Amino acid sequence: MICFKIRGISLRLSFGFFTVLALLCTLEQGAYLWYSVCAIVIHEGLHLLMMLLLRQRLHSVTFYGCGIRLRPAHVLCSYGKELLVLLAGPFGNLLVWGMLLYFEGDRMLAGANLALGLMNLLPCRHLDGGAALRCIFGLVQHEPWRTERLITGMACAVLLLMIVGAWLLEVGNFTYYALCIYLLFAEIFR
């Protein structure tokens, strides 16, 4: 992992990030990469904007092969504030998707925002949706072990339904199945 600091903020770039980036750059349809990058910038930018609005200072940014993690300097904040930061990214992507469709903007960019927004709302532990569920259950004072088991069960059920549903609808997108299976295994084998 490559690590350095800019203005007191730690930046970390994993080798998986460079591997996925290189793989995406080799794809024949290079335009898809730029649509995805734009959707990711919107997503992470809205997380950052919400952090700024809530006066949370950024501590580190880590670029992984399948995502970016923003960590605030003060981890201890209210569940409500954390929930707002977590949901800003996916709901922002869905808002951009709606605006692009309404104003007849670029449909590929709209599709990338829709896909990223919906994917991040899945109840998986490594996505915004799973972290948001953790906050919601924290608000109602569930025991941590029970919360983790409930979220894992929800994530596995949703992912299995997505796989079976796509198979029944004869979806032929290999990447879709690979992502669902990866997320399922990440939930089962923490």
N, C-alpha and C. Protein backbone atom coordinates (compact mmCIF):
# COMPACT_ATOMS: atom_id res chain seq x y z
N MET A 1 0.85 -1.18 0.00
CA MET A 1 0.00 0.00 0.00
C MET A 1 0.90 1.24 0.00
N ILE A 2 0.52 2.20 -0.80
CA ILE A 2 1.26 3.45 -0.87
C ILE A 2 0.55 4.44 0.05
N CYS A 3 1.30 5.07 0.95
CA CYS A 3 0.72 6.01 1.92
C CYS A 3 1.48 7.33 1.90
N PHE A 4 0.75 8.42 1.98
CA PHE A 4 1.35 9.74 2.14
C PHE A 4 0.30 10.68 2.71
N LYS A 5 0.74 11.85 3.13
CA LYS A 5 -0.17 12.84 3.72
C LYS A 5 -0.18 14.12 2.91
N ILE A 6 -1.37 14.70 2.82
CA ILE A 6 -1.54 16.02 2.20
C ILE A 6 -2.37 16.84 3.17
N ARG A 7 -1.78 17.92 3.66
CA ARG A 7 -2.46 18.82 4.61
C ARG A 7 -3.06 18.08 5.81
N GLY A 8 -2.31 17.11 6.32
CA GLY A 8 -2.74 16.38 7.51
C GLY A 8 -3.72 15.25 7.25
N ILE A 9 -4.08 15.04 5.99
CA ILE A 9 -5.01 13.96 5.64
C ILE A 9 -4.20 12.81 5.04
N SER A 10 -4.33 11.62 5.62
CA SER A 10 -3.63 10.44 5.12
C SER A 10 -4.31 9.92 3.87
N LEU A 11 -3.53 9.73 2.83
CA LEU A 11 -4.03 9.12 1.60
C LEU A 11 -3.35 7.77 1.46
N ARG A 12 -4.16 6.73 1.23
CA ARG A 12 -3.65 5.37 1.09
C ARG A 12 -4.18 4.79 -0.21
N LEU A 13 -3.28 4.24 -1.00
CA LEU A 13 -3.66 3.63 -2.27
C LEU A 13 -3.21 2.17 -2.24
N SER A 14 -4.18 1.25 -2.25
CA SER A 14 -3.83 -0.17 -2.21
C SER A 14 -3.44 -0.63 -3.62
N PHE A 15 -2.74 -1.74 -3.67
CA PHE A 15 -2.35 -2.28 -4.97
C PHE A 15 -3.56 -2.82 -5.71
N GLY A 16 -4.60 -3.23 -4.98
CA GLY A 16 -5.84 -3.66 -5.61
C GLY A 16 -6.49 -2.53 -6.39
N PHE A 17 -6.36 -1.30 -5.90
CA PHE A 17 -6.90 -0.13 -6.59
C PHE A 17 -6.24 0.02 -7.96
N PHE A 18 -4.90 -0.08 -7.99
CA PHE A 18 -4.18 0.04 -9.25
C PHE A 18 -4.49 -1.12 -10.19
N THR A 19 -4.70 -2.31 -9.63
CA THR A 19 -5.02 -3.49 -10.44
C THR A 19 -6.37 -3.31 -11.12
N VAL A 20 -7.37 -2.90 -10.35
CA VAL A 20 -8.71 -2.71 -10.93
C VAL A 20 -8.69 -1.57 -11.94
N LEU A 21 -7.98 -0.49 -11.62
CA LEU A 21 -7.88 0.64 -12.55
C LEU A 21 -7.23 0.20 -13.87
N ALA A 22 -6.15 -0.57 -13.78
CA ALA A 22 -5.48 -1.06 -15.00
C ALA A 22 -6.40 -1.97 -15.80
N LEU A 23 -7.14 -2.83 -15.10
CA LEU A 23 -8.08 -3.72 -15.78
C LEU A 23 -9.17 -2.93 -16.49
N LEU A 24 -9.72 -1.94 -15.81
CA LEU A 24 -10.77 -1.12 -16.42
C LEU A 24 -10.24 -0.34 -17.63
N CYS A 25 -8.99 0.09 -17.57
CA CYS A 25 -8.41 0.85 -18.69
C CYS A 25 -8.20 -0.03 -19.92
N THR A 26 -8.11 -1.34 -19.73
CA THR A 26 -7.90 -2.23 -20.87
C THR A 26 -9.20 -2.59 -21.58
N LEU A 27 -10.33 -2.26 -20.96
CA LEU A 27 -11.61 -2.58 -21.59
C LEU A 27 -11.77 -1.81 -22.89
N GLU A 28 -12.43 -2.45 -23.82
CA GLU A 28 -12.62 -1.85 -25.14
C GLU A 28 -13.46 -0.58 -25.09
N GLN A 29 -14.42 -0.54 -24.18
CA GLN A 29 -15.32 0.60 -24.08
C GLN A 29 -14.80 1.57 -23.02
N GLY A 30 -13.80 2.34 -23.33
CA GLY A 30 -13.18 3.26 -22.39
C GLY A 30 -14.13 4.31 -21.84
N ALA A 31 -15.19 4.63 -22.59
CA ALA A 31 -16.14 5.65 -22.12
C ALA A 31 -16.84 5.20 -20.85
N TYR A 32 -17.08 3.89 -20.71
CA TYR A 32 -17.74 3.39 -19.50
C TYR A 32 -16.92 3.71 -18.26
N LEU A 33 -15.61 3.65 -18.40
CA LEU A 33 -14.73 3.96 -17.27
C LEU A 33 -14.96 5.39 -16.80
N TRP A 34 -15.06 6.32 -17.74
CA TRP A 34 -15.22 7.73 -17.36
C TRP A 34 -16.60 8.00 -16.75
N TYR A 35 -17.62 7.32 -17.24
CA TYR A 35 -18.94 7.46 -16.62
C TYR A 35 -18.90 6.96 -15.18
N SER A 36 -18.22 5.82 -14.99
CA SER A 36 -18.10 5.26 -13.64
C SER A 36 -17.31 6.19 -12.73
N VAL A 37 -16.20 6.74 -13.23
CA VAL A 37 -15.39 7.65 -12.44
C VAL A 37 -16.20 8.89 -12.05
N CYS A 38 -16.99 9.42 -12.98
CA CYS A 38 -17.83 10.59 -12.67
C CYS A 38 -18.83 10.26 -11.57
N ALA A 39 -19.46 9.08 -11.65
CA ALA A 39 -20.43 8.68 -10.63
C ALA A 39 -19.75 8.51 -9.27
N ILE A 40 -18.54 7.96 -9.27
CA ILE A 40 -17.79 7.77 -8.02
C ILE A 40 -17.40 9.12 -7.42
N VAL A 41 -16.97 10.05 -8.26
CA VAL A 41 -16.60 11.39 -7.77
C VAL A 41 -17.82 12.07 -7.16
N ILE A 42 -18.97 11.96 -7.80
CA ILE A 42 -20.21 12.53 -7.25
C ILE A 42 -20.52 11.88 -5.90
N HIS A 43 -20.44 10.56 -5.84
CA HIS A 43 -20.75 9.81 -4.63
C HIS A 43 -19.86 10.22 -3.47
N GLU A 44 -18.56 10.13 -3.67
CA GLU A 44 -17.61 10.44 -2.59
C GLU A 44 -17.61 11.94 -2.27
N GLY A 45 -17.81 12.77 -3.31
CA GLY A 45 -17.88 14.21 -3.09
C GLY A 45 -19.04 14.60 -2.20
N LEU A 46 -20.17 13.91 -2.34
CA LEU A 46 -21.32 14.20 -1.49
C LEU A 46 -21.12 13.71 -0.06
N HIS A 47 -20.41 12.58 0.10
CA HIS A 47 -20.02 12.17 1.46
C HIS A 47 -19.18 13.27 2.10
N LEU A 48 -18.18 13.75 1.35
CA LEU A 48 -17.29 14.81 1.87
C LEU A 48 -18.06 16.09 2.18
N LEU A 49 -18.96 16.48 1.28
CA LEU A 49 -19.75 17.69 1.49
C LEU A 49 -20.59 17.58 2.76
N MET A 50 -21.20 16.43 2.98
CA MET A 50 -22.00 16.25 4.19
C MET A 50 -21.10 16.29 5.43
N MET A 51 -19.91 15.71 5.34
CA MET A 51 -18.97 15.78 6.47
C MET A 51 -18.64 17.24 6.79
N LEU A 52 -18.40 18.02 5.74
CA LEU A 52 -18.08 19.44 5.94
C LEU A 52 -19.26 20.19 6.55
N LEU A 53 -20.46 19.92 6.04
CA LEU A 53 -21.65 20.59 6.57
C LEU A 53 -21.88 20.25 8.04
N LEU A 54 -21.50 19.04 8.43
CA LEU A 54 -21.67 18.60 9.82
C LEU A 54 -20.42 18.88 10.66
N ARG A 55 -19.47 19.62 10.08
CA ARG A 55 -18.24 20.02 10.75
C ARG A 55 -17.41 18.84 11.23
N GLN A 56 -17.33 17.82 10.38
CA GLN A 56 -16.46 16.68 10.66
C GLN A 56 -15.21 16.81 9.81
N ARG A 57 -14.05 16.72 10.45
CA ARG A 57 -12.78 16.82 9.75
C ARG A 57 -12.38 15.46 9.19
N LEU A 58 -11.83 15.46 8.00
CA LEU A 58 -11.40 14.23 7.34
C LEU A 58 -10.04 13.80 7.87
N HIS A 59 -9.92 12.54 8.25
CA HIS A 59 -8.66 11.99 8.75
C HIS A 59 -7.90 11.26 7.65
N SER A 60 -8.60 10.38 6.90
CA SER A 60 -7.91 9.60 5.87
C SER A 60 -8.85 9.21 4.75
N VAL A 61 -8.24 8.96 3.59
CA VAL A 61 -8.94 8.45 2.42
C VAL A 61 -8.15 7.23 1.95
N THR A 62 -8.82 6.08 1.84
CA THR A 62 -8.16 4.87 1.39
C THR A 62 -8.84 4.39 0.11
N PHE A 63 -8.03 4.16 -0.92
CA PHE A 63 -8.52 3.68 -2.21
C PHE A 63 -8.25 2.18 -2.28
N TYR A 64 -9.32 1.39 -2.29
CA TYR A 64 -9.24 -0.06 -2.40
C TYR A 64 -9.56 -0.47 -3.83
N GLY A 65 -9.45 -1.75 -4.11
CA GLY A 65 -9.78 -2.27 -5.43
C GLY A 65 -11.26 -2.10 -5.77
N CYS A 66 -12.11 -2.19 -4.76
CA CYS A 66 -13.56 -2.10 -5.01
C CYS A 66 -14.21 -1.00 -4.21
N GLY A 67 -13.51 0.07 -3.94
CA GLY A 67 -14.15 1.16 -3.23
C GLY A 67 -13.19 2.15 -2.62
N ILE A 68 -13.77 3.17 -2.04
CA ILE A 68 -13.01 4.23 -1.38
C ILE A 68 -13.59 4.37 0.02
N ARG A 69 -12.72 4.50 1.00
CA ARG A 69 -13.19 4.66 2.38
C ARG A 69 -12.72 6.01 2.91
N LEU A 70 -13.68 6.81 3.38
CA LEU A 70 -13.39 8.09 4.01
C LEU A 70 -13.53 7.91 5.52
N ARG A 71 -12.54 8.34 6.26
CA ARG A 71 -12.62 8.23 7.72
C ARG A 71 -12.52 9.62 8.33
N PRO A 72 -13.50 9.97 9.15
CA PRO A 72 -13.44 11.27 9.82
C PRO A 72 -12.41 11.26 10.93
N ALA A 73 -11.95 12.44 11.32
CA ALA A 73 -10.97 12.55 12.39
C ALA A 73 -11.58 12.14 13.73
N HIS A 74 -12.84 12.43 13.92
CA HIS A 74 -13.52 12.08 15.17
C HIS A 74 -14.54 10.99 14.87
N VAL A 75 -14.18 9.77 15.21
CA VAL A 75 -15.05 8.63 14.92
C VAL A 75 -16.31 8.69 15.77
N LEU A 76 -16.20 9.25 16.96
CA LEU A 76 -17.34 9.29 17.85
C LEU A 76 -18.22 10.49 17.53
N CYS A 77 -19.28 10.25 16.79
CA CYS A 77 -20.28 11.29 16.54
C CYS A 77 -21.64 10.63 16.70
N SER A 78 -22.68 11.39 16.64
CA SER A 78 -24.01 10.82 16.85
C SER A 78 -24.39 9.90 15.69
N TYR A 79 -25.25 8.94 15.99
CA TYR A 79 -25.72 8.03 14.95
C TYR A 79 -26.43 8.80 13.84
N GLY A 80 -27.14 9.84 14.21
CA GLY A 80 -27.85 10.63 13.21
C GLY A 80 -26.91 11.30 12.22
N LYS A 81 -25.82 11.89 12.73
CA LYS A 81 -24.84 12.53 11.84
C LYS A 81 -24.15 11.51 10.96
N GLU A 82 -23.79 10.38 11.55
CA GLU A 82 -23.13 9.33 10.76
C GLU A 82 -24.06 8.83 9.67
N LEU A 83 -25.33 8.68 9.99
CA LEU A 83 -26.32 8.23 9.02
C LEU A 83 -26.44 9.22 7.86
N LEU A 84 -26.45 10.51 8.17
CA LEU A 84 -26.51 11.53 7.11
C LEU A 84 -25.30 11.46 6.18
N VAL A 85 -24.12 11.28 6.76
CA VAL A 85 -22.90 11.18 5.94
C VAL A 85 -22.95 9.92 5.08
N LEU A 86 -23.35 8.80 5.65
CA LEU A 86 -23.41 7.54 4.91
C LEU A 86 -24.40 7.58 3.75
N LEU A 87 -25.55 8.19 3.97
CA LEU A 87 -26.59 8.18 2.93
C LEU A 87 -26.43 9.31 1.91
N ALA A 88 -25.58 10.28 2.18
CA ALA A 88 -25.39 11.40 1.24
C ALA A 88 -24.89 10.91 -0.12
N GLY A 89 -23.96 9.97 -0.13
CA GLY A 89 -23.40 9.46 -1.38
C GLY A 89 -24.43 8.74 -2.25
N PRO A 90 -25.06 7.66 -1.72
CA PRO A 90 -26.02 6.94 -2.56
C PRO A 90 -27.24 7.78 -2.95
N PHE A 91 -27.78 8.56 -2.01
CA PHE A 91 -28.94 9.38 -2.36
C PHE A 91 -28.56 10.49 -3.34
N GLY A 92 -27.33 10.98 -3.24
CA GLY A 92 -26.84 11.96 -4.22
C GLY A 92 -26.76 11.35 -5.61
N ASN A 93 -26.26 10.10 -5.71
CA ASN A 93 -26.22 9.42 -7.01
C ASN A 93 -27.62 9.26 -7.58
N LEU A 94 -28.58 8.89 -6.72
CA LEU A 94 -29.96 8.71 -7.18
C LEU A 94 -30.58 10.04 -7.60
N LEU A 95 -30.22 11.12 -6.90
CA LEU A 95 -30.71 12.45 -7.27
C LEU A 95 -30.15 12.86 -8.63
N VAL A 96 -28.86 12.64 -8.85
CA VAL A 96 -28.24 12.97 -10.15
C VAL A 96 -28.88 12.14 -11.25
N TRP A 97 -29.13 10.85 -10.98
CA TRP A 97 -29.80 9.99 -11.96
C TRP A 97 -31.16 10.59 -12.34
N GLY A 98 -31.95 10.96 -11.34
CA GLY A 98 -33.26 11.53 -11.60
C GLY A 98 -33.19 12.84 -12.37
N MET A 99 -32.24 13.69 -12.01
CA MET A 99 -32.10 14.97 -12.70
C MET A 99 -31.67 14.77 -14.15
N LEU A 100 -30.75 13.84 -14.39
CA LEU A 100 -30.30 13.59 -15.76
C LEU A 100 -31.44 13.03 -16.61
N LEU A 101 -32.27 12.19 -16.03
CA LEU A 101 -33.41 11.68 -16.79
C LEU A 101 -34.44 12.77 -17.05
N TYR A 102 -34.73 13.58 -16.02
CA TYR A 102 -35.73 14.63 -16.15
C TYR A 102 -35.33 15.67 -17.19
N PHE A 103 -34.05 16.06 -17.16
CA PHE A 103 -33.57 17.10 -18.08
C PHE A 103 -32.97 16.51 -19.35
N GLU A 104 -33.24 15.21 -19.58
CA GLU A 104 -32.77 14.52 -20.78
C GLU A 104 -31.27 14.67 -20.98
N GLY A 105 -30.53 14.42 -19.90
CA GLY A 105 -29.08 14.47 -19.95
C GLY A 105 -28.50 13.15 -20.45
N ASP A 106 -27.23 12.97 -20.24
CA ASP A 106 -26.51 11.79 -20.71
C ASP A 106 -27.05 10.53 -20.02
N ARG A 107 -27.60 9.62 -20.80
CA ARG A 107 -28.21 8.41 -20.23
C ARG A 107 -27.17 7.45 -19.66
N MET A 108 -25.98 7.43 -20.23
CA MET A 108 -24.92 6.55 -19.69
C MET A 108 -24.48 7.04 -18.31
N LEU A 109 -24.32 8.33 -18.16
CA LEU A 109 -23.96 8.89 -16.86
C LEU A 109 -25.10 8.67 -15.86
N ALA A 110 -26.32 8.80 -16.33
CA ALA A 110 -27.48 8.54 -15.46
C ALA A 110 -27.47 7.09 -15.00
N GLY A 111 -27.21 6.17 -15.92
CA GLY A 111 -27.17 4.76 -15.58
C GLY A 111 -26.06 4.43 -14.59
N ALA A 112 -24.89 5.05 -14.76
CA ALA A 112 -23.78 4.81 -13.83
C ALA A 112 -24.14 5.31 -12.43
N ASN A 113 -24.80 6.44 -12.34
CA ASN A 113 -25.22 6.97 -11.04
C ASN A 113 -26.30 6.09 -10.40
N LEU A 114 -27.23 5.61 -11.21
CA LEU A 114 -28.27 4.72 -10.68
C LEU A 114 -27.64 3.43 -10.14
N ALA A 115 -26.75 2.83 -10.92
CA ALA A 115 -26.12 1.57 -10.50
C ALA A 115 -25.31 1.76 -9.22
N LEU A 116 -24.51 2.83 -9.16
CA LEU A 116 -23.68 3.06 -7.97
C LEU A 116 -24.53 3.38 -6.75
N GLY A 117 -25.56 4.19 -6.93
CA GLY A 117 -26.44 4.54 -5.81
C GLY A 117 -27.16 3.34 -5.25
N LEU A 118 -27.75 2.51 -6.13
CA LEU A 118 -28.47 1.32 -5.66
C LEU A 118 -27.53 0.30 -5.04
N MET A 119 -26.37 0.10 -5.67
CA MET A 119 -25.42 -0.87 -5.13
C MET A 119 -24.99 -0.48 -3.72
N ASN A 120 -24.73 0.80 -3.49
CA ASN A 120 -24.26 1.24 -2.18
C ASN A 120 -25.37 1.22 -1.12
N LEU A 121 -26.61 1.09 -1.53
CA LEU A 121 -27.71 0.98 -0.57
C LEU A 121 -27.96 -0.47 -0.14
N LEU A 122 -27.27 -1.42 -0.76
CA LEU A 122 -27.42 -2.81 -0.34
C LEU A 122 -27.01 -2.95 1.12
N PRO A 123 -27.64 -3.86 1.87
CA PRO A 123 -27.36 -3.97 3.30
C PRO A 123 -26.09 -4.74 3.64
N CYS A 124 -25.06 -4.59 2.82
CA CYS A 124 -23.79 -5.31 3.02
C CYS A 124 -22.87 -4.51 3.93
N ARG A 125 -22.13 -5.21 4.76
CA ARG A 125 -21.29 -4.56 5.78
C ARG A 125 -20.26 -3.59 5.20
N HIS A 126 -19.76 -3.84 3.99
CA HIS A 126 -18.73 -2.98 3.43
C HIS A 126 -19.29 -1.86 2.56
N LEU A 127 -20.60 -1.75 2.50
CA LEU A 127 -21.24 -0.71 1.70
C LEU A 127 -21.98 0.26 2.62
N ASP A 128 -22.37 1.39 2.06
CA ASP A 128 -23.05 2.41 2.84
C ASP A 128 -24.35 1.90 3.46
N GLY A 129 -25.07 1.04 2.75
CA GLY A 129 -26.33 0.52 3.26
C GLY A 129 -26.16 -0.29 4.54
N GLY A 130 -25.14 -1.14 4.59
CA GLY A 130 -24.89 -1.93 5.80
C GLY A 130 -24.47 -1.06 6.97
N ALA A 131 -23.60 -0.08 6.68
CA ALA A 131 -23.17 0.85 7.74
C ALA A 131 -24.35 1.70 8.23
N ALA A 132 -25.24 2.08 7.30
CA ALA A 132 -26.42 2.86 7.70
C ALA A 132 -27.34 2.01 8.58
N LEU A 133 -27.50 0.74 8.25
CA LEU A 133 -28.30 -0.14 9.11
C LEU A 133 -27.69 -0.26 10.50
N ARG A 134 -26.37 -0.32 10.58
CA ARG A 134 -25.69 -0.38 11.87
C ARG A 134 -26.04 0.86 12.69
N CYS A 135 -26.08 2.02 12.04
CA CYS A 135 -26.45 3.27 12.73
C CYS A 135 -27.90 3.23 13.19
N ILE A 136 -28.78 2.76 12.32
CA ILE A 136 -30.20 2.71 12.67
C ILE A 136 -30.42 1.78 13.86
N PHE A 137 -29.78 0.61 13.82
CA PHE A 137 -29.92 -0.32 14.95
C PHE A 137 -29.26 0.24 16.20
N GLY A 138 -28.21 1.05 16.03
CA GLY A 138 -27.57 1.70 17.17
C GLY A 138 -28.50 2.71 17.81
N LEU A 139 -29.34 3.35 17.01
CA LEU A 139 -30.30 4.31 17.54
C LEU A 139 -31.33 3.65 18.45
N VAL A 140 -31.67 2.39 18.15
CA VAL A 140 -32.67 1.69 18.95
C VAL A 140 -32.02 0.76 19.98
N GLN A 141 -30.72 0.89 20.16
CA GLN A 141 -29.97 0.20 21.21
C GLN A 141 -30.01 -1.32 21.12
N HIS A 142 -29.81 -1.87 19.93
CA HIS A 142 -29.67 -3.31 19.78
C HIS A 142 -28.29 -3.73 20.27
N GLU A 143 -28.17 -4.96 20.71
CA GLU A 143 -26.88 -5.48 21.12
C GLU A 143 -26.01 -5.66 19.87
N PRO A 144 -24.72 -5.31 19.92
CA PRO A 144 -23.86 -5.35 18.73
C PRO A 144 -23.82 -6.71 18.03
N TRP A 145 -23.76 -7.81 18.77
CA TRP A 145 -23.69 -9.13 18.13
C TRP A 145 -24.99 -9.44 17.40
N ARG A 146 -26.11 -9.02 17.98
CA ARG A 146 -27.41 -9.26 17.35
C ARG A 146 -27.54 -8.40 16.08
N THR A 147 -27.06 -7.17 16.16
CA THR A 147 -27.09 -6.28 15.00
C THR A 147 -26.28 -6.87 13.85
N GLU A 148 -25.07 -7.36 14.15
CA GLU A 148 -24.21 -7.93 13.10
C GLU A 148 -24.86 -9.15 12.46
N ARG A 149 -25.45 -10.01 13.27
CA ARG A 149 -26.11 -11.21 12.73
C ARG A 149 -27.31 -10.83 11.88
N LEU A 150 -28.06 -9.84 12.31
CA LEU A 150 -29.24 -9.40 11.56
C LEU A 150 -28.84 -8.80 10.22
N ILE A 151 -27.82 -7.96 10.22
CA ILE A 151 -27.35 -7.33 8.98
C ILE A 151 -26.79 -8.38 8.03
N THR A 152 -26.01 -9.33 8.56
CA THR A 152 -25.46 -10.40 7.72
C THR A 152 -26.59 -11.22 7.11
N GLY A 153 -27.61 -11.56 7.90
CA GLY A 153 -28.75 -12.30 7.38
C GLY A 153 -29.50 -11.55 6.30
N MET A 154 -29.71 -10.25 6.54
CA MET A 154 -30.40 -9.42 5.55
C MET A 154 -29.59 -9.35 4.26
N ALA A 155 -28.28 -9.13 4.38
CA ALA A 155 -27.42 -9.01 3.19
C ALA A 155 -27.42 -10.30 2.40
N CYS A 156 -27.28 -11.43 3.07
CA CYS A 156 -27.26 -12.72 2.37
C CYS A 156 -28.59 -12.98 1.67
N ALA A 157 -29.69 -12.69 2.33
CA ALA A 157 -31.01 -12.89 1.73
C ALA A 157 -31.19 -12.01 0.49
N VAL A 158 -30.83 -10.74 0.60
CA VAL A 158 -30.97 -9.82 -0.54
C VAL A 158 -30.09 -10.26 -1.70
N LEU A 159 -28.84 -10.62 -1.41
CA LEU A 159 -27.92 -11.02 -2.48
C LEU A 159 -28.36 -12.32 -3.15
N LEU A 160 -28.83 -13.27 -2.36
CA LEU A 160 -29.34 -14.52 -2.96
C LEU A 160 -30.56 -14.24 -3.83
N LEU A 161 -31.45 -13.37 -3.38
CA LEU A 161 -32.61 -12.99 -4.20
C LEU A 161 -32.18 -12.30 -5.49
N MET A 162 -31.16 -11.47 -5.40
CA MET A 162 -30.66 -10.79 -6.60
C MET A 162 -30.07 -11.79 -7.60
N ILE A 163 -29.34 -12.77 -7.10
CA ILE A 163 -28.74 -13.78 -7.98
C ILE A 163 -29.82 -14.64 -8.62
N VAL A 164 -30.73 -15.16 -7.80
CA VAL A 164 -31.80 -16.02 -8.32
C VAL A 164 -32.71 -15.24 -9.26
N GLY A 165 -33.06 -14.02 -8.88
CA GLY A 165 -33.91 -13.20 -9.74
C GLY A 165 -33.27 -12.92 -11.10
N ALA A 166 -31.99 -12.59 -11.10
CA ALA A 166 -31.28 -12.34 -12.37
C ALA A 166 -31.20 -13.61 -13.21
N TRP A 167 -30.99 -14.74 -12.54
CA TRP A 167 -30.92 -16.01 -13.27
C TRP A 167 -32.28 -16.34 -13.89
N LEU A 168 -33.36 -16.13 -13.13
CA LEU A 168 -34.70 -16.41 -13.66
C LEU A 168 -35.06 -15.47 -14.81
N LEU A 169 -34.57 -14.22 -14.73
CA LEU A 169 -34.82 -13.26 -15.81
C LEU A 169 -33.82 -13.40 -16.95
N GLU A 170 -32.94 -14.38 -16.82
CA GLU A 170 -31.92 -14.68 -17.84
C GLU A 170 -30.99 -13.51 -18.11
N VAL A 171 -30.58 -12.85 -17.04
CA VAL A 171 -29.59 -11.77 -17.16
C VAL A 171 -28.25 -12.42 -17.48
N GLY A 172 -27.60 -11.94 -18.51
CA GLY A 172 -26.35 -12.54 -18.96
C GLY A 172 -25.11 -11.72 -18.63
N ASN A 173 -25.21 -10.83 -17.66
CA ASN A 173 -24.09 -9.96 -17.31
C ASN A 173 -23.20 -10.66 -16.27
N PHE A 174 -22.04 -11.13 -16.70
CA PHE A 174 -21.12 -11.84 -15.82
C PHE A 174 -20.67 -10.97 -14.65
N THR A 175 -20.44 -9.69 -14.90
CA THR A 175 -19.97 -8.78 -13.86
C THR A 175 -21.00 -8.67 -12.73
N TYR A 176 -22.26 -8.65 -13.07
CA TYR A 176 -23.33 -8.59 -12.07
C TYR A 176 -23.26 -9.78 -11.13
N TYR A 177 -23.16 -10.97 -11.71
CA TYR A 177 -23.09 -12.19 -10.90
C TYR A 177 -21.81 -12.21 -10.06
N ALA A 178 -20.69 -11.80 -10.66
CA ALA A 178 -19.41 -11.79 -9.93
C ALA A 178 -19.49 -10.85 -8.74
N LEU A 179 -20.09 -9.67 -8.92
CA LEU A 179 -20.22 -8.71 -7.82
C LEU A 179 -21.11 -9.26 -6.72
N CYS A 180 -22.25 -9.84 -7.09
CA CYS A 180 -23.16 -10.40 -6.09
C CYS A 180 -22.49 -11.53 -5.30
N ILE A 181 -21.78 -12.41 -6.00
CA ILE A 181 -21.10 -13.52 -5.33
C ILE A 181 -19.98 -13.02 -4.44
N TYR A 182 -19.23 -12.02 -4.92
CA TYR A 182 -18.16 -11.42 -4.11
C TYR A 182 -18.75 -10.84 -2.82
N LEU A 183 -19.82 -10.06 -2.93
CA LEU A 183 -20.44 -9.45 -1.75
C LEU A 183 -21.00 -10.52 -0.81
N LEU A 184 -21.56 -11.58 -1.38
CA LEU A 184 -22.09 -12.67 -0.56
C LEU A 184 -20.97 -13.35 0.24
N PHE A 185 -19.86 -13.65 -0.43
CA PHE A 185 -18.74 -14.27 0.27
C PHE A 185 -18.12 -13.32 1.30
N ALA A 186 -18.10 -12.03 1.00
CA ALA A 186 -17.57 -11.05 1.97
C ALA A 186 -18.44 -11.00 3.21
N GLU A 187 -19.74 -11.24 3.08
CA GLU A 187 -20.62 -11.27 4.23
C GLU A 187 -20.45 -12.56 5.04
N ILE A 188 -20.33 -13.67 4.35
CA ILE A 188 -20.24 -14.96 5.02
C ILE A 188 -18.87 -15.16 5.68
N PHE A 189 -17.82 -14.86 4.94
CA PHE A 189 -16.45 -15.08 5.42
C PHE A 189 -15.81 -13.74 5.76
N ARG A 190 -16.20 -13.14 6.83
CA ARG A 190 -15.73 -11.82 7.22
C ARG A 190 -14.27 -11.76 7.21
